[in-house]
Amino acid sequence: MTVSRAAVGAVVGMALAFAGYFGGFAAFLLVAALGGLGWAAGRWFDTGGRLTDLREAYERSRR
């Protein structure tokens, strides 16, 4: 089952609206930032990213 991008956009918009209405501007920004991180992670996994790539990048940065 595939979910359309319009449906995902509507859900994200509603989540941001609820956060802004009930939690204020700081909650709106937090939800937006976490949503962006979630989108980036999902996009990375969709394009063939693997968890081992993250571990290897982390190890390279520690050297």
Protein backbone atom coordinates (compact mmCIF):
# COMPACT_ATOMS: atom_id res chain seq x y z
CA MET A 1 0.00 0.00 0.00
CA THR A 2 1.38 3.38 -0.98
CA VAL A 3 0.49 6.59 0.75
CA SER A 4 0.21 9.67 -1.42
CA ARG A 5 2.40 12.64 -0.70
CA ALA A 6 -0.69 14.81 -0.43
CA ALA A 7 -2.00 12.66 2.42
CA VAL A 8 1.33 12.80 4.22
CA GLY A 9 1.44 16.57 3.74
CA ALA A 10 -2.07 16.91 5.17
CA VAL A 11 -1.15 14.86 8.25
CA VAL A 12 2.01 16.88 8.80
CA GLY A 13 0.08 20.12 8.40
CA MET A 14 -2.50 19.02 10.95
CA ALA A 15 0.23 17.98 13.41
CA LEU A 16 1.90 21.37 13.05
CA ALA A 17 -1.42 23.15 13.48
CA PHE A 18 -2.21 21.25 16.68
CA ALA A 19 1.30 21.87 18.02
CA GLY A 20 1.04 25.57 17.25
CA TYR A 21 -2.44 25.94 18.72
CA PHE A 22 -1.96 23.93 21.92
CA GLY A 23 1.78 24.28 22.55
CA GLY A 24 2.69 27.66 21.15
CA PHE A 25 5.39 28.65 18.74
CA ALA A 26 8.16 26.63 20.44
CA ALA A 27 6.15 23.43 20.11
CA PHE A 28 5.43 24.30 16.47
CA LEU A 29 9.17 24.63 15.79
CA LEU A 30 9.97 21.40 17.64
CA VAL A 31 7.37 19.43 15.67
CA ALA A 32 8.59 20.97 12.42
CA ALA A 33 12.24 20.16 13.18
CA LEU A 34 11.51 16.57 14.21
CA GLY A 35 9.28 16.14 11.17
CA GLY A 36 12.11 17.34 8.96
CA LEU A 37 14.53 14.90 10.55
CA GLY A 38 12.04 12.09 10.11
CA TRP A 39 11.53 13.01 6.47
CA ALA A 40 15.30 13.09 5.87
CA ALA A 41 15.80 9.71 7.51
CA GLY A 42 12.94 8.16 5.55
CA ARG A 43 14.22 9.61 2.30
CA TRP A 44 17.72 8.32 3.04
CA PHE A 45 16.43 4.79 3.71
CA ASP A 46 14.25 4.91 0.58
CA THR A 47 17.26 5.71 -1.58
CA GLY A 48 19.23 2.71 -0.33
CA GLY A 49 20.80 3.95 2.88
CA ARG A 50 21.80 1.37 5.47
CA LEU A 51 22.45 1.53 9.20
CA THR A 52 26.00 0.28 8.66
CA ASP A 53 26.66 3.43 6.58
CA LEU A 54 25.80 5.55 9.62
CA ARG A 55 28.07 3.53 11.89
CA GLU A 56 30.96 3.78 9.43
CA ALA A 57 30.48 7.55 9.06
CA TYR A 58 30.45 7.92 12.84
CA GLU A 59 33.64 5.90 13.18
CA ARG A 60 35.39 7.98 10.49
CA SER A 61 34.43 11.21 12.25
CA ARG A 62 35.91 10.03 15.56
CA ARG A 63 39.38 9.49 14.05
